[in-house]
Each structure stands twice: as C-alpha cells, then as structure tokens.
PDB file of N, CA and C in Angstrom:
ATOM      1  N   MET A   1     -47.786 113.065  79.566  1.00  0.00           N
ATOM      2  CA  MET A   1     -49.606 112.518  80.152  1.00  0.00           C
ATOM      3  C   MET A   1     -49.776 113.248  80.808  1.00  0.00           C
ATOM      4  N   ALA A   2     -51.219 113.397  80.468  1.00  0.00           N
ATOM      5  CA  ALA A   2     -52.149 114.357  81.071  1.00  0.00           C
ATOM      6  C   ALA A   2     -52.323 114.355  82.782  1.00  0.00           C
ATOM      7  N   THR A   3     -52.400 115.186  83.210  1.00  0.00           N
ATOM      8  CA  THR A   3     -53.119 115.669  84.466  1.00  0.00           C
ATOM      9  C   THR A   3     -54.296 115.090  84.894  1.00  0.00           C
ATOM     10  N   SER A   4     -54.480 114.274  85.904  1.00  0.00           N
ATOM     11  CA  SER A   4     -55.915 114.367  85.965  1.00  0.00           C
ATOM     12  C   SER A   4     -56.958 115.657  86.301  1.00  0.00           C
ATOM     13  N   GLU A   5     -56.477 116.456  86.889  1.00  0.00           N
ATOM     14  CA  GLU A   5     -57.362 117.611  86.361  1.00  0.00           C
ATOM     15  C   GLU A   5     -57.211 117.891  84.896  1.00  0.00           C
ATOM     16  N   GLU A   6     -56.663 118.120  83.923  1.00  0.00           N
ATOM     17  CA  GLU A   6     -56.894 117.928  82.798  1.00  0.00           C
ATOM     18  C   GLU A   6     -58.008 117.325  82.013  1.00  0.00           C
ATOM     19  N   ARG A   7     -57.668 116.087  82.211  1.00  0.00           N
ATOM     20  CA  ARG A   7     -58.922 114.438  82.204  1.00  0.00           C
ATOM     21  C   ARG A   7     -59.884 115.573  82.605  1.00  0.00           C
ATOM     22  N   ILE A   8     -60.188 115.469  83.484  1.00  0.00           N
ATOM     23  CA  ILE A   8     -61.600 115.820  84.527  1.00  0.00           C
ATOM     24  C   ILE A   8     -62.200 117.095  83.641  1.00  0.00           C
ATOM     25  N   LYS A   9     -61.748 118.065  83.534  1.00  0.00           N
ATOM     26  CA  LYS A   9     -62.334 119.467  82.739  1.00  0.00           C
ATOM     27  C   LYS A   9     -62.292 118.687  80.912  1.00  0.00           C
ATOM     28  N   ILE A  10     -61.868 117.818  80.576  1.00  0.00           N
ATOM     29  CA  ILE A  10     -62.560 117.446  79.109  1.00  0.00           C
ATOM     30  C   ILE A  10     -63.674 116.269  79.411  1.00  0.00           C
ATOM     31  N   LEU A  11     -63.439 115.587  80.648  1.00  0.00           N
ATOM     32  CA  LEU A  11     -64.873 114.734  80.539  1.00  0.00           C
ATOM     33  C   LEU A  11     -66.089 115.702  81.021  1.00  0.00           C
ATOM     34  N   LYS A  12     -65.293 116.508  82.108  1.00  0.00           N
ATOM     35  CA  LYS A  12     -67.410 117.682  82.322  1.00  0.00           C
ATOM     36  C   LYS A  12     -67.606 118.426  80.918  1.00  0.00           C
ATOM     37  N   MET A  13     -66.323 118.988  80.196  1.00  0.00           N
ATOM     38  CA  MET A  13     -66.654 119.540  79.020  1.00  0.00           C
ATOM     39  C   MET A  13     -67.793 118.477  77.997  1.00  0.00           C
ATOM     40  N   VAL A  14     -67.665 116.983  78.329  1.00  0.00           N
ATOM     41  CA  VAL A  14     -68.394 116.452  77.237  1.00  0.00           C
ATOM     42  C   VAL A  14     -69.902 116.425  77.976  1.00  0.00           C
ATOM     43  N   GLU A  15     -69.485 116.044  79.432  1.00  0.00           N
ATOM     44  CA  GLU A  15     -70.997 115.793  79.931  1.00  0.00           C
ATOM     45  C   GLU A  15     -72.062 116.916  79.809  1.00  0.00           C
ATOM     46  N   GLU A  16     -71.110 118.360  79.928  1.00  0.00           N
ATOM     47  CA  GLU A  16     -71.994 119.307  79.339  1.00  0.00           C
ATOM     48  C   GLU A  16     -72.534 119.957  78.626  1.00  0.00           C
ATOM     49  N   GLY A  17     -72.210 119.041  77.851  1.00  0.00           N
ATOM     50  CA  GLY A  17     -72.420 118.791  76.274  1.00  0.00           C
ATOM     51  C   GLY A  17     -71.378 120.545  74.983  1.00  0.00           C
ATOM     52  N   LYS A  18     -70.744 120.883  76.002  1.00  0.00           N
ATOM     53  CA  LYS A  18     -69.836 121.705  75.548  1.00  0.00           C
ATOM     54  C   LYS A  18     -68.909 121.065  73.870  1.00  0.00           C
ATOM     55  N   ILE A  19     -68.723 120.260  74.468  1.00  0.00           N
ATOM     56  CA  ILE A  19     -68.027 119.084  73.317  1.00  0.00           C
ATOM     57  C   ILE A  19     -68.394 117.874  72.764  1.00  0.00           C
ATOM     58  N   THR A  20     -68.596 117.188  71.625  1.00  0.00           N
ATOM     59  CA  THR A  20     -69.028 116.202  71.471  1.00  0.00           C
ATOM     60  C   THR A  20     -68.188 115.148  72.160  1.00  0.00           C
ATOM     61  N   ALA A  21     -68.593 113.741  72.598  1.00  0.00           N
ATOM     62  CA  ALA A  21     -67.794 112.957  72.815  1.00  0.00           C
ATOM     63  C   ALA A  21     -66.399 112.363  72.039  1.00  0.00           C
ATOM     64  N   GLU A  22     -66.518 112.127  70.645  1.00  0.00           N
ATOM     65  CA  GLU A  22     -65.359 112.306  69.707  1.00  0.00           C
ATOM     66  C   GLU A  22     -64.690 113.349  69.818  1.00  0.00           C
ATOM     67  N   GLU A  23     -64.997 114.395  69.943  1.00  0.00           N
ATOM     68  CA  GLU A  23     -63.859 115.470  70.198  1.00  0.00           C
ATOM     69  C   GLU A  23     -62.904 115.347  71.827  1.00  0.00           C
ATOM     70  N   GLY A  24     -64.172 115.143  72.572  1.00  0.00           N
ATOM     71  CA  GLY A  24     -62.824 114.971  73.755  1.00  0.00           C
ATOM     72  C   GLY A  24     -62.325 113.644  73.961  1.00  0.00           C
ATOM     73  N   ALA A  25     -62.711 112.805  72.940  1.00  0.00           N
ATOM     74  CA  ALA A  25     -61.252 111.610  72.683  1.00  0.00           C
ATOM     75  C   ALA A  25     -60.228 112.032  71.987  1.00  0.00           C
ATOM     76  N   LYS A  26     -60.513 112.324  71.017  1.00  0.00           N
ATOM     77  CA  LYS A  26     -59.146 113.213  70.437  1.00  0.00           C
ATOM     78  C   LYS A  26     -58.307 114.761  71.452  1.00  0.00           C
ATOM     79  N   LEU A  27     -59.126 115.078  72.327  1.00  0.00           N
ATOM     80  CA  LEU A  27     -58.470 115.751  73.109  1.00  0.00           C
ATOM     81  C   LEU A  27     -57.355 115.320  74.231  1.00  0.00           C
ATOM     82  N   LEU A  28     -58.050 114.215  74.398  1.00  0.00           N
ATOM     83  CA  LEU A  28     -57.665 113.459  75.668  1.00  0.00           C
ATOM     84  C   LEU A  28     -56.534 112.071  74.771  1.00  0.00           C
ATOM     85  N   ALA A  29     -56.715 112.017  74.185  1.00  0.00           N
ATOM     86  CA  ALA A  29     -55.274 111.584  72.886  1.00  0.00           C
ATOM     87  C   ALA A  29     -54.337 112.071  72.894  1.00  0.00           C
ATOM     88  N   ALA A  30     -54.693 114.039  72.739  1.00  0.00           N
ATOM     89  CA  ALA A  30     -53.419 114.166  72.432  1.00  0.00           C
ATOM     90  C   ALA A  30     -52.500 114.620  73.648  1.00  0.00           C
ATOM     91  N   LEU A  31     -53.687 114.768  74.595  1.00  0.00           N
ATOM     92  CA  LEU A  31     -52.849 115.011  76.010  1.00  0.00           C
ATOM     93  C   LEU A  31     -52.269 113.429  76.599  1.00  0.00           C
ATOM     94  N   SER A  32     -52.514 112.436  76.106  1.00  0.00           N
ATOM     95  CA  SER A  32     -51.895 111.483  76.655  1.00  0.00           C
ATOM     96  C   SER A  32     -50.995 110.318  76.058  1.00  0.00           C
ATOM     97  N   GLU A  33     -50.199 110.959  75.560  1.00  0.00           N
ATOM     98  CA  GLU A  33     -49.039 110.926  74.304  1.00  0.00           C
ATOM     99  C   GLU A  33     -48.339 109.223  75.105  1.00  0.00           C
ATOM    100  N   SER A  34     -47.868 109.362  76.515  1.00  0.00           N
ATOM    101  CA  SER A  34     -47.269 108.156  76.597  1.00  0.00           C
ATOM    102  C   SER A  34     -47.774 107.113  77.152  1.00  0.00           C
ATOM    103  N   ARG A  35     -49.642 106.931  76.567  1.00  0.00           N
ATOM    104  CA  ARG A  35     -50.444 105.879  77.334  1.00  0.00           C
ATOM    105  C   ARG A  35     -49.896 104.745  76.345  1.00  0.00           C
ATOM    106  N   SER A  36     -49.538 103.611  77.055  1.00  0.00           N
ATOM    107  CA  SER A  36     -48.843 102.150  76.603  1.00  0.00           C
ATOM    108  C   SER A  36     -49.667 102.047  75.411  1.00  0.00           C
ATOM    109  N   SER A  37     -49.249 101.487  74.192  1.00  0.00           N
ATOM    110  CA  SER A  37     -50.033 100.792  73.069  1.00  0.00           C
ATOM    111  C   SER A  37     -50.799  99.487  73.233  1.00  0.00           C
ATOM    112  N   ALA A  38     -50.246  98.743  74.332  1.00  0.00           N
ATOM    113  CA  ALA A  38     -51.037  97.606  74.486  1.00  0.00           C
ATOM    114  C   ALA A  38     -52.582  98.169  75.254  1.00  0.00           C
ATOM    115  N   ARG A  39     -52.082  98.835  76.153  1.00  0.00           N
ATOM    116  CA  ARG A  39     -53.951  98.921  76.488  1.00  0.00           C
ATOM    117  C   ARG A  39     -54.818  99.713  75.468  1.00  0.00           C
ATOM    118  N   LYS A  40     -54.044 100.976  74.883  1.00  0.00           N
ATOM    119  CA  LYS A  40     -54.974 101.253  73.903  1.00  0.00           C
ATOM    120  C   LYS A  40     -55.432 100.595  72.920  1.00  0.00           C
ATOM    121  N   THR A  41     -54.741  99.346  72.603  1.00  0.00           N
ATOM    122  CA  THR A  41     -55.542  98.464  71.519  1.00  0.00           C
ATOM    123  C   THR A  41     -56.567  97.434  71.891  1.00  0.00           C
ATOM    124  N   SER A  42     -56.287  97.131  73.319  1.00  0.00           N
ATOM    125  CA  SER A  42     -57.478  96.331  74.071  1.00  0.00           C
ATOM    126  C   SER A  42     -58.666  97.247  74.415  1.00  0.00           C
ATOM    127  N   MET A  43     -58.507  98.454  74.409  1.00  0.00           N
ATOM    128  CA  MET A  43     -59.560  99.221  74.346  1.00  0.00           C
ATOM    129  C   MET A  43     -60.477  99.673  72.993  1.00  0.00           C
ATOM    130  N   ARG A  44     -59.982  99.696  71.920  1.00  0.00           N
ATOM    131  CA  ARG A  44     -60.510  99.752  70.980  1.00  0.00           C
ATOM    132  C   ARG A  44     -61.756  98.882  70.744  1.00  0.00           C
ATOM    133  N   THR A  45     -62.708  99.459  69.962  1.00  0.00           N
ATOM    134  CA  THR A  45     -64.005  99.084  69.273  1.00  0.00           C
ATOM    135  C   THR A  45     -63.438  97.613  68.364  1.00  0.00           C
ATOM    136  N   SER A  46     -64.205  96.666  67.990  1.00  0.00           N
ATOM    137  CA  SER A  46     -63.918  95.920  66.824  1.00  0.00           C
ATOM    138  C   SER A  46     -64.762  96.365  65.607  1.00  0.00           C
ATOM    139  N   ALA A  47     -64.175  95.496  64.672  1.00  0.00           N
ATOM    140  CA  ALA A  47     -64.507  96.420  63.203  1.00  0.00           C
ATOM    141  C   ALA A  47     -65.615  97.426  63.129  1.00  0.00           C
ATOM    142  N   GLY A  48     -65.032  98.399  63.759  1.00  0.00           N
ATOM    143  CA  GLY A  48     -65.832  99.753  63.656  1.00  0.00           C
ATOM    144  C   GLY A  48     -67.143  99.949  64.369  1.00  0.00           C
ATOM    145  N   SER A  49     -67.309  99.128  65.067  1.00  0.00           N
ATOM    146  CA  SER A  49     -68.638  98.913  65.871  1.00  0.00           C
ATOM    147  C   SER A  49     -68.504 100.006  67.122  1.00  0.00           C
ATOM    148  N   ALA A  50     -69.688 100.867  67.156  1.00  0.00           N
ATOM    149  CA  ALA A  50     -69.391 101.824  68.868  1.00  0.00           C
ATOM    150  C   ALA A  50     -70.067 100.969  69.419  1.00  0.00           C
ATOM    151  N   ARG A  51     -69.187 100.737  70.535  1.00  0.00           N
ATOM    152  CA  ARG A  51     -69.310 100.328  72.099  1.00  0.00           C
ATOM    153  C   ARG A  51     -69.184 101.558  73.111  1.00  0.00           C
ATOM    154  N   TRP A  52     -69.683 101.224  74.187  1.00  0.00           N
ATOM    155  CA  TRP A  52     -69.901 102.809  75.169  1.00  0.00           C
ATOM    156  C   TRP A  52     -70.453 101.955  76.583  1.00  0.00           C
ATOM    157  N   LEU A  53     -69.663 102.366  77.587  1.00  0.00           N
ATOM    158  CA  LEU A  53     -69.667 101.886  78.736  1.00  0.00           C
ATOM    159  C   LEU A  53     -70.837 102.818  79.660  1.00  0.00           C
ATOM    160  N   ARG A  54     -71.769 102.416  80.027  1.00  0.00           N
ATOM    161  CA  ARG A  54     -72.740 102.999  80.731  1.00  0.00           C
ATOM    162  C   ARG A  54     -72.880 103.127  82.087  1.00  0.00           C
ATOM    163  N   VAL A  55     -72.952 103.748  83.110  1.00  0.00           N
ATOM    164  CA  VAL A  55     -73.192 104.255  84.717  1.00  0.00           C
ATOM    165  C   VAL A  55     -74.436 104.942  84.874  1.00  0.00           C
ATOM    166  N   ARG A  56     -74.972 104.310  85.471  1.00  0.00           N
ATOM    167  CA  ARG A  56     -76.416 104.690  86.032  1.00  0.00           C
ATOM    168  C   ARG A  56     -76.164 104.896  87.559  1.00  0.00           C
ATOM    169  N   VAL A  57     -76.723 105.973  88.422  1.00  0.00           N
ATOM    170  CA  VAL A  57     -76.626 105.569  90.005  1.00  0.00           C
ATOM    171  C   VAL A  57     -78.677 106.279  89.911  1.00  0.00           C
ATOM    172  N   THR A  58     -79.257 105.481  90.633  1.00  0.00           N
ATOM    173  CA  THR A  58     -80.552 105.786  90.770  1.00  0.00           C
ATOM    174  C   THR A  58     -80.344 105.975  92.446  1.00  0.00           C
ATOM    175  N   ASP A  59     -81.647 106.935  92.897  1.00  0.00           N
ATOM    176  CA  ASP A  59     -82.123 106.889  94.085  1.00  0.00           C
ATOM    177  C   ASP A  59     -82.809 106.268  94.452  1.00  0.00           C
ATOM    178  N   THR A  60     -82.647 104.791  95.123  1.00  0.00           N
ATOM    179  CA  THR A  60     -83.325 103.936  95.760  1.00  0.00           C
ATOM    180  C   THR A  60     -84.695 104.146  96.191  1.00  0.00           C
ATOM    181  N   VAL A  61     -84.515 105.552  96.776  1.00  0.00           N
ATOM    182  CA  VAL A  61     -86.248 105.883  97.293  1.00  0.00           C
ATOM    183  C   VAL A  61     -87.139 106.358  96.210  1.00  0.00           C
ATOM    184  N   THR A  62     -86.731 107.058  95.359  1.00  0.00           N
ATOM    185  CA  THR A  62     -87.903 107.977  94.568  1.00  0.00           C
ATOM    186  C   THR A  62     -87.576 107.352  93.191  1.00  0.00           C
ATOM    187  N   GLY A  63     -86.314 106.427  92.697  1.00  0.00           N
ATOM    188  CA  GLY A  63     -86.132 105.948  91.392  1.00  0.00           C
ATOM    189  C   GLY A  63     -85.362 106.950  90.700  1.00  0.00           C
ATOM    190  N   LYS A  64     -85.538 108.206  91.043  1.00  0.00           N
ATOM    191  CA  LYS A  64     -85.026 108.544  89.787  1.00  0.00           C
ATOM    192  C   LYS A  64     -83.587 109.166  89.589  1.00  0.00           C
ATOM    193  N   ALA A  65     -83.197 108.950  88.398  1.00  0.00           N
ATOM    194  CA  ALA A  65     -81.353 109.267  87.954  1.00  0.00           C
ATOM    195  C   ALA A  65     -80.916 110.144  89.032  1.00  0.00           C
ATOM    196  N   LYS A  66     -79.902 109.721  89.436  1.00  0.00           N
ATOM    197  CA  LYS A  66     -78.735 111.067  89.750  1.00  0.00           C
ATOM    198  C   LYS A  66     -77.985 111.282  89.504  1.00  0.00           C
ATOM    199  N   ALA A  67     -77.581 110.527  88.612  1.00  0.00           N
ATOM    200  CA  ALA A  67     -76.338 110.336  87.611  1.00  0.00           C
ATOM    201  C   ALA A  67     -76.191 109.478  86.261  1.00  0.00           C
ATOM    202  N   THR A  68     -76.222 110.093  85.154  1.00  0.00           N
ATOM    203  CA  THR A  68     -75.537 108.914  84.291  1.00  0.00           C
ATOM    204  C   THR A  68     -74.359 109.091  83.168  1.00  0.00           C
ATOM    205  N   VAL A  69     -73.359 108.386  82.813  1.00  0.00           N
ATOM    206  CA  VAL A  69     -72.142 109.133  82.691  1.00  0.00           C
ATOM    207  C   VAL A  69     -72.363 108.014  81.403  1.00  0.00           C
ATOM    208  N   ASN A  70     -72.338 108.249  80.163  1.00  0.00           N
ATOM    209  CA  ASN A  70     -72.279 107.311  78.972  1.00  0.00           C
ATOM    210  C   ASN A  70     -70.560 107.559  78.451  1.00  0.00           C
ATOM    211  N   LEU A  71     -69.774 106.980  78.255  1.00  0.00           N
ATOM    212  CA  LEU A  71     -69.069 107.013  77.718  1.00  0.00           C
ATOM    213  C   LEU A  71     -68.396 105.958  76.655  1.00  0.00           C
ATOM    214  N   PRO A  72     -67.610 106.809  75.450  1.00  0.00           N
ATOM    215  CA  PRO A  72     -66.961 105.836  74.093  1.00  0.00           C
ATOM    216  C   PRO A  72     -66.464 104.335  75.235  1.00  0.00           C
ATOM    217  N   ILE A  73     -66.107 103.718  74.214  1.00  0.00           N
ATOM    218  CA  ILE A  73     -64.656 102.426  75.108  1.00  0.00           C
ATOM    219  C   ILE A  73     -63.466 103.138  75.295  1.00  0.00           C
ATOM    220  N   GLY A  74     -63.503 104.259  74.076  1.00  0.00           N
ATOM    221  CA  GLY A  74     -61.989 104.755  73.959  1.00  0.00           C
ATOM    222  C   GLY A  74     -62.083 105.872  74.760  1.00  0.00           C
ATOM    223  N   LEU A  75     -63.129 105.780  75.356  1.00  0.00           N
ATOM    224  CA  LEU A  75     -62.514 107.128  76.531  1.00  0.00           C
ATOM    225  C   LEU A  75     -62.241 106.001  78.058  1.00  0.00           C
ATOM    226  N   VAL A  76     -62.573 105.082  77.859  1.00  0.00           N
ATOM    227  CA  VAL A  76     -62.715 104.163  79.489  1.00  0.00           C
ATOM    228  C   VAL A  76     -61.466 104.029  80.245  1.00  0.00           C
ATOM    229  N   ASP A  77     -60.221 104.542  79.359  1.00  0.00           N
ATOM    230  CA  ASP A  77     -59.341 104.478  80.224  1.00  0.00           C
ATOM    231  C   ASP A  77     -59.164 105.731  81.237  1.00  0.00           C
ATOM    232  N   ALA A  78     -59.293 106.770  80.327  1.00  0.00           N
ATOM    233  CA  ALA A  78     -59.354 107.968  81.374  1.00  0.00           C
ATOM    234  C   ALA A  78     -60.346 107.938  82.695  1.00  0.00           C
ATOM    235  N   GLY A  79     -61.509 107.481  82.335  1.00  0.00           N
ATOM    236  CA  GLY A  79     -62.525 107.547  83.129  1.00  0.00           C
ATOM    237  C   GLY A  79     -62.236 106.695  84.133  1.00  0.00           C
ATOM    238  N   LEU A  80     -61.662 105.462  83.789  1.00  0.00           N
ATOM    239  CA  LEU A  80     -61.316 104.418  84.586  1.00  0.00           C
ATOM    240  C   LEU A  80     -60.058 105.143  86.112  1.00  0.00           C
ATOM    241  N   ASN A  81     -59.522 105.684  85.377  1.00  0.00           N
ATOM    242  CA  ASN A  81     -58.351 106.234  85.814  1.00  0.00           C
ATOM    243  C   ASN A  81     -58.687 107.300  86.867  1.00  0.00           C
ATOM    244  N   ILE A  82     -59.747 108.542  86.518  1.00  0.00           N
ATOM    245  CA  ILE A  82     -60.707 109.162  87.592  1.00  0.00           C
ATOM    246  C   ILE A  82     -61.254 108.621  88.542  1.00  0.00           C
ATOM    247  N   ALA A  83     -62.065 107.584  87.683  1.00  0.00           N
ATOM    248  CA  ALA A  83     -62.645 106.992  88.744  1.00  0.00           C
ATOM    249  C   ALA A  83     -62.126 106.470  90.085  1.00  0.00           C
ATOM    250  N   SER A  84     -61.104 105.380  89.614  1.00  0.00           N
ATOM    251  CA  SER A  84     -60.552 104.898  90.671  1.00  0.00           C
ATOM    252  C   SER A  84     -60.075 105.638  92.277  1.00  0.00           C
ATOM    253  N   GLN A  85     -59.886 107.064  91.633  1.00  0.00           N
ATOM    254  CA  GLN A  85     -59.549 107.924  92.973  1.00  0.00           C
ATOM    255  C   GLN A  85     -60.807 107.837  93.860  1.00  0.00           C
ATOM    256  N   TYR A  86     -61.938 107.577  92.916  1.00  0.00           N
ATOM    257  CA  TYR A  86     -63.070 108.400  94.324  1.00  0.00           C
ATOM    258  C   TYR A  86     -63.731 106.601  94.859  1.00  0.00           C
ATOM    259  N   ALA A  87     -63.565 106.520  94.521  1.00  0.00           N
ATOM    260  CA  ALA A  87     -63.918 104.779  94.251  1.00  0.00           C
ATOM    261  C   ALA A  87     -63.013 103.454  94.755  1.00  0.00           C
ATOM    262  N   PRO A  88     -61.938 103.848  95.804  1.00  0.00           N
ATOM    263  CA  PRO A  88     -60.652 102.868  95.570  1.00  0.00           C
ATOM    264  C   PRO A  88     -61.383 101.222  96.019  1.00  0.00           C
ATOM    265  N   GLY A  89     -62.407 101.159  96.081  1.00  0.00           N
ATOM    266  CA  GLY A  89     -63.286  99.722  96.530  1.00  0.00           C
ATOM    267  C   GLY A  89     -63.668  99.317  95.811  1.00  0.00           C
ATOM    268  N   ILE A  90     -63.810  99.476  94.344  1.00  0.00           N
ATOM    269  CA  ILE A  90     -64.480  98.966  93.053  1.00  0.00           C
ATOM    270  C   ILE A  90     -62.954  98.049  92.263  1.00  0.00           C
ATOM    271  N   ALA A  91     -63.389  96.786  91.946  1.00  0.00           N
ATOM    272  CA  ALA A  91     -62.136  96.161  91.201  1.00  0.00           C
ATOM    273  C   ALA A  91     -62.338  96.501  89.502  1.00  0.00           C
ATOM    274  N   PHE A  92     -61.527  97.620  89.785  1.00  0.00           N
ATOM    275  CA  PHE A  92     -61.461  98.455  88.138  1.00  0.00           C
ATOM    276  C   PHE A  92     -60.596  97.089  87.501  1.00  0.00           C
ATOM    277  N   ASP A  93     -59.664  96.421  87.961  1.00  0.00           N
ATOM    278  CA  ASP A  93     -59.523  95.556  87.361  1.00  0.00           C
ATOM    279  C   ASP A  93     -60.283  94.728  86.153  1.00  0.00           C
ATOM    280  N   GLU A  94     -60.771  94.191  87.440  1.00  0.00           N
ATOM    281  CA  GLU A  94     -62.128  93.048  86.480  1.00  0.00           C
ATOM    282  C   GLU A  94     -62.837  93.980  85.458  1.00  0.00           C
ATOM    283  N   LEU A  95     -63.204  95.454  85.443  1.00  0.00           N
ATOM    284  CA  LEU A  95     -63.962  96.090  85.017  1.00  0.00           C
ATOM    285  C   LEU A  95     -63.319  95.852  83.045  1.00  0.00           C
ATOM    286  N   ILE A  96     -61.870  96.210  83.195  1.00  0.00           N
ATOM    287  CA  ILE A  96     -61.192  96.269  82.576  1.00  0.00           C
ATOM    288  C   ILE A  96     -61.205  94.824  81.501  1.00  0.00           C
ATOM    289  N   GLU A  97     -60.751  93.955  82.034  1.00  0.00           N
ATOM    290  CA  GLU A  97     -60.961  92.467  81.711  1.00  0.00           C
ATOM    291  C   GLU A  97     -62.170  92.100  81.096  1.00  0.00           C
ATOM    292  N   ALA A  98     -63.585  92.619  81.730  1.00  0.00           N
ATOM    293  CA  ALA A  98     -64.912  92.456  81.250  1.00  0.00           C
ATOM    294  C   ALA A  98     -64.725  93.013  79.896  1.00  0.00           C
ATOM    295  N   ILE A  99     -63.972  94.297  79.517  1.00  0.00           N
ATOM    296  CA  ILE A  99     -64.522  95.345  78.536  1.00  0.00           C
ATOM    297  C   ILE A  99     -63.396  94.411  77.638  1.00  0.00           C
ATOM    298  N   ASN A 100     -62.083  93.853  78.044  1.00  0.00           N
ATOM    299  CA  ASN A 100     -61.296  93.265  77.003  1.00  0.00           C
ATOM    300  C   ASN A 100     -61.372  92.102  76.404  1.00  0.00           C
ATOM    301  N   THR A 101     -62.529  91.374  77.493  1.00  0.00           N
ATOM    302  CA  THR A 101     -62.787  89.891  76.890  1.00  0.00           C
ATOM    303  C   THR A 101     -63.939  90.306  75.948  1.00  0.00           C
ATOM    304  N   GLY A 102     -64.795  91.805  75.508  1.00  0.00           N
ATOM    305  CA  GLY A 102     -66.091  91.711  74.931  1.00  0.00           C
ATOM    306  C   GLY A 102     -67.210  91.501  75.453  1.00  0.00           C
ATOM    307  N   ALA A 103     -67.139  92.023  77.057  1.00  0.00           N
ATOM    308  CA  ALA A 103     -68.185  91.692  77.534  1.00  0.00           C
ATOM    309  C   ALA A 103     -69.998  92.724  76.932  1.00  0.00           C
ATOM    310  N   GLU A 104     -70.964  92.559  76.955  1.00  0.00           N
ATOM    311  CA  GLU A 104     -72.046  92.911  77.024  1.00  0.00           C
ATOM    312  C   GLU A 104     -72.934  92.675  77.831  1.00  0.00           C
ATOM    313  N   GLY A 105     -73.817  93.743  78.182  1.00  0.00           N
ATOM    314  CA  GLY A 105     -75.027  94.111  79.063  1.00  0.00           C
ATOM    315  C   GLY A 105     -74.224  94.868  80.692  1.00  0.00           C
ATOM    316  N   LYS A 106     -75.157  94.302  81.280  1.00  0.00           N
ATOM    317  CA  LYS A 106     -74.857  94.593  82.816  1.00  0.00           C
ATOM    318  C   LYS A 106     -73.639  93.711  83.543  1.00  0.00           C
ATOM    319  N   ILE A 107     -72.600  94.631  83.711  1.00  0.00           N
ATOM    320  CA  ILE A 107     -71.616  93.939  84.513  1.00  0.00           C
ATOM    321  C   ILE A 107     -71.409  94.806  85.555  1.00  0.00           C
ATOM    322  N   ILE A 108     -71.791  95.295  86.338  1.00  0.00           N
ATOM    323  CA  ILE A 108     -72.087  95.980  87.414  1.00  0.00           C
ATOM    324  C   ILE A 108     -73.119  96.392  87.942  1.00  0.00           C
ATOM    325  N   ASP A 109     -73.653  95.678  89.345  1.00  0.00           N
ATOM    326  CA  ASP A 109     -75.538  95.823  89.960  1.00  0.00           C
ATOM    327  C   ASP A 109     -75.037  96.576  91.630  1.00  0.00           C
ATOM    328  N   VAL A 110     -74.671  97.406  91.696  1.00  0.00           N
ATOM    329  CA  VAL A 110     -74.893  97.347  93.325  1.00  0.00           C
ATOM    330  C   VAL A 110     -75.548  98.535  93.945  1.00  0.00           C
ATOM    331  N   TYR A 111     -76.146  98.155  95.304  1.00  0.00           N
ATOM    332  CA  TYR A 111     -76.960  98.479  95.758  1.00  0.00           C
ATOM    333  C   TYR A 111     -76.297  99.379  97.219  1.00  0.00           C
ATOM    334  N   ASP A 112     -76.149 101.210  97.242  1.00  0.00           N
ATOM    335  CA  ASP A 112     -75.555 101.212  98.675  1.00  0.00           C
ATOM    336  C   ASP A 112     -76.512 101.569  99.596  1.00  0.00           C
ATOM    337  N   GLU A 113     -77.316 100.792  99.905  1.00  0.00           N
ATOM    338  CA  GLU A 113     -78.196 100.406 101.070  1.00  0.00           C
ATOM    339  C   GLU A 113     -77.659 102.212 102.261  1.00  0.00           C
ATOM    340  N   GLU A 114     -76.662 102.420 102.562  1.00  0.00           N
ATOM    341  CA  GLU A 114     -76.534 103.598 103.477  1.00  0.00           C
ATOM    342  C   GLU A 114     -76.561 104.890 103.041  1.00  0.00           C
ATOM    343  N   ASP A 115     -76.282 105.007 101.387  1.00  0.00           N
ATOM    344  CA  ASP A 115     -76.575 106.279 101.126  1.00  0.00           C
ATOM    345  C   ASP A 115     -77.921 106.237 100.208  1.00  0.00           C
ATOM    346  N   GLY A 116     -78.560 105.324  99.950  1.00  0.00           N
ATOM    347  CA  GLY A 116     -79.621 104.678  99.148  1.00  0.00           C
ATOM    348  C   GLY A 116     -79.846 105.299  97.832  1.00  0.00           C
ATOM    349  N   GLU A 117     -78.645 104.530  97.042  1.00  0.00           N
ATOM    350  CA  GLU A 117     -78.430 104.927  96.051  1.00  0.00           C
ATOM    351  C   GLU A 117     -78.035 103.233  95.107  1.00  0.00           C
ATOM    352  N   HIS A 118     -78.215 103.155  93.844  1.00  0.00           N
ATOM    353  CA  HIS A 118     -78.232 102.254  93.007  1.00  0.00           C
ATOM    354  C   HIS A 118     -77.149 102.382  91.948  1.00  0.00           C
ATOM    355  N   VAL A 119     -75.994 101.581  91.699  1.00  0.00           N
ATOM    356  CA  VAL A 119     -75.608 101.770  90.554  1.00  0.00           C
ATOM    357  C   VAL A 119     -75.041 100.835  89.436  1.00  0.00           C
ATOM    358  N   GLU A 120     -75.385 100.908  88.737  1.00  0.00           N
ATOM    359  CA  GLU A 120     -75.154 100.152  87.480  1.00  0.00           C
ATOM    360  C   GLU A 120     -74.123 100.261  86.223  1.00  0.00           C
ATOM    361  N   ILE A 121     -73.941  99.339  85.989  1.00  0.00           N
ATOM    362  CA  ILE A 121     -72.548  99.591  84.707  1.00  0.00           C
ATOM    363  C   ILE A 121     -72.884  98.548  83.749  1.00  0.00           C
ATOM    364  N   PHE A 122     -73.200  99.431  82.378  1.00  0.00           N
ATOM    365  CA  PHE A 122     -73.284  98.411  80.882  1.00  0.00           C
ATOM    366  C   PHE A 122     -72.174  98.612  80.512  1.00  0.00           C
ATOM    367  N   ILE A 123     -71.810  97.606  79.450  1.00  0.00           N
ATOM    368  CA  ILE A 123     -71.290  97.939  78.400  1.00  0.00           C
ATOM    369  C   ILE A 123     -72.171  97.614  77.191  1.00  0.00           C
ATOM    370  N   GLU A 124     -72.253  97.965  76.142  1.00  0.00           N
ATOM    371  CA  GLU A 124     -73.155  98.301  74.965  1.00  0.00           C
ATOM    372  C   GLU A 124     -72.386  98.164  73.983  1.00  0.00           C
TER     373      GLU A 124
END
C-alpha cells in the first residue's frame, strides 16, 4: 500500500497540472495494490459517466477562493485518507456513504468564523 507521502506527491502533481487527473489515478492505483476490492467497486462511476468530488474554500471577508480541489471519484479514497489526517473532526464515513448512495450536489457546507473560511464540498 502506498504511503501517505507518496499519495500526497501524486496529488500535488495533479493539483499543479504536472500530470492529468487520469495519470494520477493510474499512479495511485499502481501504488495501492492492497486496497480492498469492495471499497474500489463502491467508489467507481456508474455507466462510464464522469463523477467529481469538488472542494471549494473561500475567504468569507473577500469572497475570493483560497483553495479549489477537483478529484475524480476514483481518487476520492486516496484524497479522503489524506484529508482525514488534517481534519479529524469531519465525518468522512458520512461523505463516503453519500458518494456510495449516488448523492449529487452540495453535500457539505461549513462556515469557519474563527478562520474566516467557507468550505463547500460538491459531488457532480
């Protein structure tokens, strides 16, 4: 199984545009041979349609985007594993359940008044 450091490097390369999301997915798949088949199956797209998990963080004062992350559903497993290390208070199990049941649209909408951030997560 890939280490967190290896996964982060691949995701950063996708974020920086050095490789495409599809290339990143192939690299992560090659590193993650021990991933359970049940979880892989549940995260796949249906009928070949592209599905995305989109995360948007905006500054509540200026309204400007602070971060935007777009992940193909196939990379969500890796992304959630990384994100759970940095945001232990988020119910990632509920997010996975929403994805598995075919949810679409905005699934998380959080205002952090202390840091002045608005976090939105969409499935499209």
